[in-house]
C-alpha cells in the first residue's frame, strides 16, 4: 500500500487520493493478470507501469469535457515540453548577448 501511494502521489493535485487509490487497485489487478515470471522483471516494477497507466487514463477520462486520446495527450505534452526548453535556451542566449534566429528580425 505505501508503494501504491508513492506511485499516485504526483497525481493527487488533480483528483482526491481515495479515487486515485481505487483506480490504482484496478491497475494492480491488471498487472497481476498479465505478469509473467519468465521475463526476469520484478513484479513491483511491472505493476508500477499498470498502476500509473490506470491512474492517467482515469484522470483523462473524467478530467476533461473534450475526449482526447491518450497518445494525442502524450504528444501534446512532449510538444509543450520541447517548446518550453527552446524558449529557455533562447532566453539564455539573449541574456548572454548572442542573438538567435528565433523571434528576431534582421534588417
C-alpha atoms as a PDB file:
ATOM      1  CA  UNK A   1       0.000   0.000   0.000  1.00  0.00           C
ATOM      2  CA  UNK A   2       2.731   2.594   0.757  1.00  0.00           C
ATOM      3  CA  UNK A   3       4.283   1.950  -2.656  1.00  0.00           C
ATOM      4  CA  UNK A   4       0.969   2.454  -4.410  1.00  0.00           C
ATOM      5  CA  UNK A   5       0.507   5.748  -2.595  1.00  0.00           C
ATOM      6  CA  UNK A   6       4.017   6.735  -3.684  1.00  0.00           C
ATOM      7  CA  UNK A   7       3.117   5.974  -7.315  1.00  0.00           C
ATOM      8  CA  UNK A   8      -0.078   8.058  -7.246  1.00  0.00           C
ATOM      9  CA  UNK A   9       1.326  10.979  -5.222  1.00  0.00           C
ATOM     10  CA  UNK A  10       2.158  13.146  -8.300  1.00  0.00           C
ATOM     11  CA  UNK A  11      -1.470  12.927  -9.420  1.00  0.00           C
ATOM     12  CA  UNK A  12      -3.124  13.937  -6.124  1.00  0.00           C
ATOM     13  CA  UNK A  13      -3.233  17.577  -7.248  1.00  0.00           C
ATOM     14  CA  UNK A  14      -5.782  16.644  -9.914  1.00  0.00           C
ATOM     15  CA  UNK A  15      -8.059  14.268  -8.009  1.00  0.00           C
ATOM     16  CA  UNK A  16      -8.676  13.129  -4.448  1.00  0.00           C
ATOM     17  CA  UNK A  17      -6.378  10.386  -3.198  1.00  0.00           C
ATOM     18  CA  UNK A  18      -9.251   7.964  -2.489  1.00  0.00           C
ATOM     19  CA  UNK A  19     -10.381   7.955  -6.132  1.00  0.00           C
ATOM     20  CA  UNK A  20      -6.833   7.549  -7.397  1.00  0.00           C
ATOM     21  CA  UNK A  21      -6.216   4.739  -4.930  1.00  0.00           C
ATOM     22  CA  UNK A  22      -9.256   2.881  -6.198  1.00  0.00           C
ATOM     23  CA  UNK A  23      -8.092   3.231  -9.802  1.00  0.00           C
ATOM     24  CA  UNK A  24      -4.601   2.126  -8.842  1.00  0.00           C
ATOM     25  CA  UNK A  25      -6.080  -1.109  -7.490  1.00  0.00           C
ATOM     26  CA  UNK A  26      -7.589  -1.723 -10.923  1.00  0.00           C
ATOM     27  CA  UNK A  27      -4.150  -1.182 -12.409  1.00  0.00           C
ATOM     28  CA  UNK A  28      -2.640  -3.552  -9.868  1.00  0.00           C
ATOM     29  CA  UNK A  29      -5.213  -6.170 -10.822  1.00  0.00           C
ATOM     30  CA  UNK A  30      -4.257  -5.809 -14.489  1.00  0.00           C
ATOM     31  CA  UNK A  31      -0.604  -6.233 -13.560  1.00  0.00           C
ATOM     32  CA  UNK A  32      -1.396  -9.431 -11.664  1.00  0.00           C
ATOM     33  CA  UNK A  33      -3.279 -10.805 -14.662  1.00  0.00           C
ATOM     34  CA  UNK A  34      -0.550 -10.019 -17.204  1.00  0.00           C
ATOM     35  CA  UNK A  35       2.619 -10.648 -15.175  1.00  0.00           C
ATOM     36  CA  UNK A  36       4.960 -13.364 -16.450  1.00  0.00           C
ATOM     37  CA  UNK A  37       7.701 -14.591 -14.135  1.00  0.00           C
ATOM     38  CA  UNK A  38       9.793 -15.744 -17.077  1.00  0.00           C
ATOM     39  CA  UNK A  39      10.547 -12.141 -18.150  1.00  0.00           C
ATOM     40  CA  UNK A  40      13.027 -11.534 -15.266  1.00  0.00           C
ATOM     41  CA  UNK A  41      11.308  -8.304 -14.224  1.00  0.00           C
ATOM     42  CA  UNK A  42      10.439  -7.574 -10.611  1.00  0.00           C
ATOM     43  CA  UNK A  43       6.707  -7.533 -10.065  1.00  0.00           C
ATOM     44  CA  UNK A  44       6.633  -4.089  -8.452  1.00  0.00           C
ATOM     45  CA  UNK A  45       8.431  -2.609 -11.466  1.00  0.00           C
ATOM     46  CA  UNK A  46       5.906  -4.230 -13.769  1.00  0.00           C
ATOM     47  CA  UNK A  47       2.971  -3.237 -11.563  1.00  0.00           C
ATOM     48  CA  UNK A  48       4.084   0.402 -11.421  1.00  0.00           C
ATOM     49  CA  UNK A  49       3.538   0.717 -15.159  1.00  0.00           C
ATOM     50  CA  UNK A  50      -0.010  -0.649 -14.936  1.00  0.00           C
ATOM     51  CA  UNK A  51      -0.873   1.454 -11.888  1.00  0.00           C
ATOM     52  CA  UNK A  52       0.333   4.686 -13.474  1.00  0.00           C
ATOM     53  CA  UNK A  53      -1.492   3.847 -16.723  1.00  0.00           C
ATOM     54  CA  UNK A  54      -4.744   3.221 -14.856  1.00  0.00           C
ATOM     55  CA  UNK A  55      -4.461   6.482 -12.916  1.00  0.00           C
ATOM     56  CA  UNK A  56      -3.575   8.534 -16.007  1.00  0.00           C
ATOM     57  CA  UNK A  57      -6.458   7.108 -18.004  1.00  0.00           C
ATOM     58  CA  UNK A  58      -8.817   7.759 -15.114  1.00  0.00           C
ATOM     59  CA  UNK A  59      -7.724  11.389 -14.966  1.00  0.00           C
ATOM     60  CA  UNK A  60      -8.055  11.743 -18.723  1.00  0.00           C
ATOM     61  CA  UNK A  61     -11.500  10.191 -18.687  1.00  0.00           C
ATOM     62  CA  UNK A  62     -13.043  12.408 -16.032  1.00  0.00           C
ATOM     63  CA  UNK A  63     -10.799  15.454 -16.073  1.00  0.00           C
ATOM     64  CA  UNK A  64     -11.837  16.979 -19.365  1.00  0.00           C
ATOM     65  CA  UNK A  65     -15.049  17.880 -21.163  1.00  0.00           C
ATOM     66  CA  UNK A  66     -13.441  17.041 -24.517  1.00  0.00           C
ATOM     67  CA  UNK A  67     -12.194  13.494 -25.021  1.00  0.00           C
ATOM     68  CA  UNK A  68      -8.658  13.447 -26.379  1.00  0.00           C
ATOM     69  CA  UNK A  69      -6.968  10.071 -26.963  1.00  0.00           C
ATOM     70  CA  UNK A  70      -4.096   9.163 -24.649  1.00  0.00           C
ATOM     71  CA  UNK A  71      -1.475   9.075 -27.396  1.00  0.00           C
ATOM     72  CA  UNK A  72      -2.519  12.550 -28.541  1.00  0.00           C
ATOM     73  CA  UNK A  73      -2.257  13.896 -24.994  1.00  0.00           C
ATOM     74  CA  UNK A  74       1.234  12.397 -24.748  1.00  0.00           C
ATOM     75  CA  UNK A  75       2.266  14.120 -27.994  1.00  0.00           C
ATOM     76  CA  UNK A  76       0.838  17.430 -26.797  1.00  0.00           C
ATOM     77  CA  UNK A  77       2.775  17.120 -23.550  1.00  0.00           C
ATOM     78  CA  UNK A  78       6.032  16.410 -25.395  1.00  0.00           C
ATOM     79  CA  UNK A  79       5.472  19.385 -27.710  1.00  0.00           C
ATOM     80  CA  UNK A  80       4.866  21.705 -24.756  1.00  0.00           C
ATOM     81  CA  UNK A  81       7.988  20.406 -23.031  1.00  0.00           C
ATOM     82  CA  UNK A  82      10.200  20.945 -26.082  1.00  0.00           C
ATOM     83  CA  UNK A  83       8.696  24.385 -26.696  1.00  0.00           C
ATOM     84  CA  UNK A  84       9.430  25.370 -23.114  1.00  0.00           C
ATOM     85  CA  UNK A  85      13.013  24.118 -23.389  1.00  0.00           C
ATOM     86  CA  UNK A  86      13.560  26.072 -26.615  1.00  0.00           C
ATOM     87  CA  UNK A  87      12.217  29.256 -25.020  1.00  0.00           C
ATOM     88  CA  UNK A  88      14.534  28.822 -22.035  1.00  0.00           C
ATOM     89  CA  UNK A  89      17.530  28.260 -24.323  1.00  0.00           C
ATOM     90  CA  UNK A  90      16.595  31.350 -26.346  1.00  0.00           C
ATOM     91  CA  UNK A  91      16.311  33.470 -23.215  1.00  0.00           C
ATOM     92  CA  UNK A  92      19.740  32.277 -22.043  1.00  0.00           C
ATOM     93  CA  UNK A  93      21.241  33.048 -25.433  1.00  0.00           C
ATOM     94  CA  UNK A  94      19.678  36.534 -25.427  1.00  0.00           C
ATOM     95  CA  UNK A  95      20.940  37.274 -21.923  1.00  0.00           C
ATOM     96  CA  UNK A  96      24.486  36.283 -22.969  1.00  0.00           C
ATOM     97  CA  UNK A  97      24.434  38.775 -25.822  1.00  0.00           C
ATOM     98  CA  UNK A  98      24.002  36.169 -28.545  1.00  0.00           C
ATOM     99  CA  UNK A  99      21.063  36.958 -30.739  1.00  0.00           C
ATOM    100  CA  UNK A 100      19.482  33.795 -32.082  1.00  0.00           C
ATOM    101  CA  UNK A 101      17.257  33.489 -35.064  1.00  0.00           C
ATOM    102  CA  UNK A 102      14.049  32.802 -33.113  1.00  0.00           C
ATOM    103  CA  UNK A 103      11.927  35.895 -32.626  1.00  0.00           C
ATOM    104  CA  UNK A 104      14.478  38.356 -34.041  1.00  0.00           C
ATOM    105  CA  UNK A 105      14.006  40.115 -37.370  1.00  0.00           C
ATOM    106  CA  UNK A 106      17.096  41.191 -39.251  1.00  0.00           C
ATOM    107  CA  UNK A 107      17.284  44.271 -41.360  1.00  0.00           C
END
